[in-house]
Protein backbone atom coordinates (compact mmCIF):
# COMPACT_ATOMS: atom_id res chain seq x y z
CA MET A 1 124.81 101.22 108.92
CA THR A 2 124.02 97.68 107.80
CA ALA A 3 121.91 96.82 104.80
CA GLY A 4 118.40 95.54 105.45
CA LYS A 5 117.19 92.04 104.86
CA CYS A 6 114.05 90.29 103.66
CA LEU A 7 112.13 89.29 106.80
CA ALA A 8 109.32 87.37 105.09
CA ASP A 9 107.97 86.56 101.66
CA HIS A 10 104.70 85.37 100.21
CA ARG A 11 103.76 83.91 96.83
CA TYR A 12 100.70 85.52 95.21
CA GLU A 13 98.32 83.19 93.42
CA PRO A 14 95.93 84.79 90.87
CA GLY A 15 92.65 85.81 92.50
CA GLN A 16 94.03 85.36 96.03
CA VAL A 17 94.59 89.02 96.92
CA GLU A 18 92.94 88.48 100.32
CA ALA A 19 95.70 86.00 101.23
CA VAL A 20 98.30 88.69 100.46
CA ARG A 21 96.44 91.22 102.60
CA GLU A 22 96.33 88.71 105.48
CA PHE A 23 100.06 88.05 105.06
CA LEU A 24 100.80 91.78 105.27
CA LYS A 25 98.52 92.21 108.26
CA ARG A 26 99.95 89.20 110.09
CA THR A 27 103.63 90.04 109.53
CA ARG A 28 103.38 93.84 109.85
CA SER A 29 104.60 93.79 113.46
CA GLU A 30 108.03 92.56 112.31
CA LEU A 31 108.82 95.85 110.56
CA ARG A 32 109.31 99.33 111.95
CA MET A 33 107.49 102.32 110.42
CA LEU A 34 106.88 101.63 106.73
CA ARG A 35 108.85 103.85 104.41
CA LYS A 36 108.44 102.87 100.75
CA ALA A 37 107.28 100.21 98.31
CA TYR A 38 109.11 99.04 95.20
CA VAL A 39 106.72 97.62 92.62
CA TYR A 40 108.36 95.49 89.93
CA ARG A 41 106.68 93.69 87.02
CA ASP A 42 106.61 90.46 89.02
CA ARG A 43 106.95 91.37 92.70
CA VAL A 44 106.43 93.99 95.41
CA GLN A 45 108.85 94.88 98.19
CA ILE A 46 107.68 96.88 101.22
CA PHE A 47 110.49 98.59 103.16
CA ASP A 48 110.66 100.02 106.66
CA VAL A 49 112.88 102.84 107.98
CA ASN A 50 115.71 100.38 108.77
CA GLY A 51 115.83 98.99 105.24
CA ASP A 52 114.26 95.64 106.15
CA TRP A 53 111.47 94.46 103.85
CA PHE A 54 108.69 92.04 103.02
CA GLU A 55 108.32 90.65 99.54
CA VAL A 56 105.26 89.45 97.64
CA THR A 57 106.19 87.59 94.46
CA GLY A 58 103.92 86.79 91.54
CA ILE A 59 102.23 90.20 91.37
CA GLY A 60 103.43 93.49 89.92
CA TYR A 61 102.31 96.81 88.51
CA PRO A 62 100.69 95.31 85.35
CA ASP A 63 98.26 93.26 87.51
CA ALA A 64 94.85 94.61 88.52
CA ASP A 65 95.18 93.14 92.04
CA ILE A 66 98.15 95.40 92.81
CA ILE A 67 95.80 98.21 93.88
CA PRO A 68 94.38 96.46 97.00
CA VAL A 69 97.88 95.26 97.92
CA LEU A 70 99.28 98.81 97.83
CA ASP A 71 96.21 100.12 99.65
CA ALA A 72 96.87 97.60 102.43
CA VAL A 73 100.14 99.37 103.28
CA ASN A 74 98.80 102.90 102.71
CA THR A 75 100.87 103.56 99.60
CA ALA A 76 100.51 106.91 97.83
CA PHE A 77 100.08 106.17 94.12
CA ASN A 78 97.99 107.19 91.13
CA ARG A 79 95.35 104.55 90.33
CA GLU A 80 95.13 105.66 86.69
CA THR A 81 98.85 105.29 85.92
CA ILE A 82 99.96 102.42 88.16
CA HIS A 83 99.57 99.86 85.35
CA LYS A 84 101.49 101.81 82.70
CA PRO A 85 104.81 100.23 81.65
CA THR A 86 108.09 101.85 82.62
CA GLU A 87 111.65 101.51 81.37
CA ASP A 88 112.90 101.58 84.95
CA GLU A 89 113.51 98.39 86.89
CA PHE A 90 110.73 99.23 89.36
CA LYS A 91 108.31 101.95 90.45
CA GLU A 92 108.98 103.50 93.87
CA PHE A 93 106.21 104.86 96.10
CA LYS A 94 106.11 106.25 99.61
CA THR A 95 103.97 104.48 102.17
CA GLY A 96 102.20 105.71 105.27
CA ARG A 97 99.64 107.86 103.43
CA ARG A 98 97.39 109.70 105.87
CA TYR A 99 93.84 110.89 105.36
CA THR A 100 93.13 114.54 105.89
CA TRP A 101 90.88 115.67 108.68
CA ALA A 102 87.21 115.70 107.68
CA LEU A 103 87.85 113.96 104.36
CA ASP A 104 84.52 112.17 104.61
CA ARG A 105 82.47 115.23 105.56
CA VAL A 106 80.27 117.01 103.08
CA MET A 107 80.74 120.76 103.09
């Protein structure tokens, strides 16, 4: 099995989270089913099942704008602890979060 490769990258500019979301939306068709996201202090990598990835530089887990970026790829993460520092090189999260049936219904 061969190692994956970076298929596309985008530079985040402060306050331009919508440009990142458009980048992810536009380039999404180049990846297979999304598998995981690595969130570093200064970048985010989004991997598919083949190991190929997209990279967004200039944004990381300490930034407030990381939440909409991770939401754009359906990442399962805790909003209260995403910004906490870690001694690890990166934080790893699974992507492809699904909403449960009738989540929006009032019982």
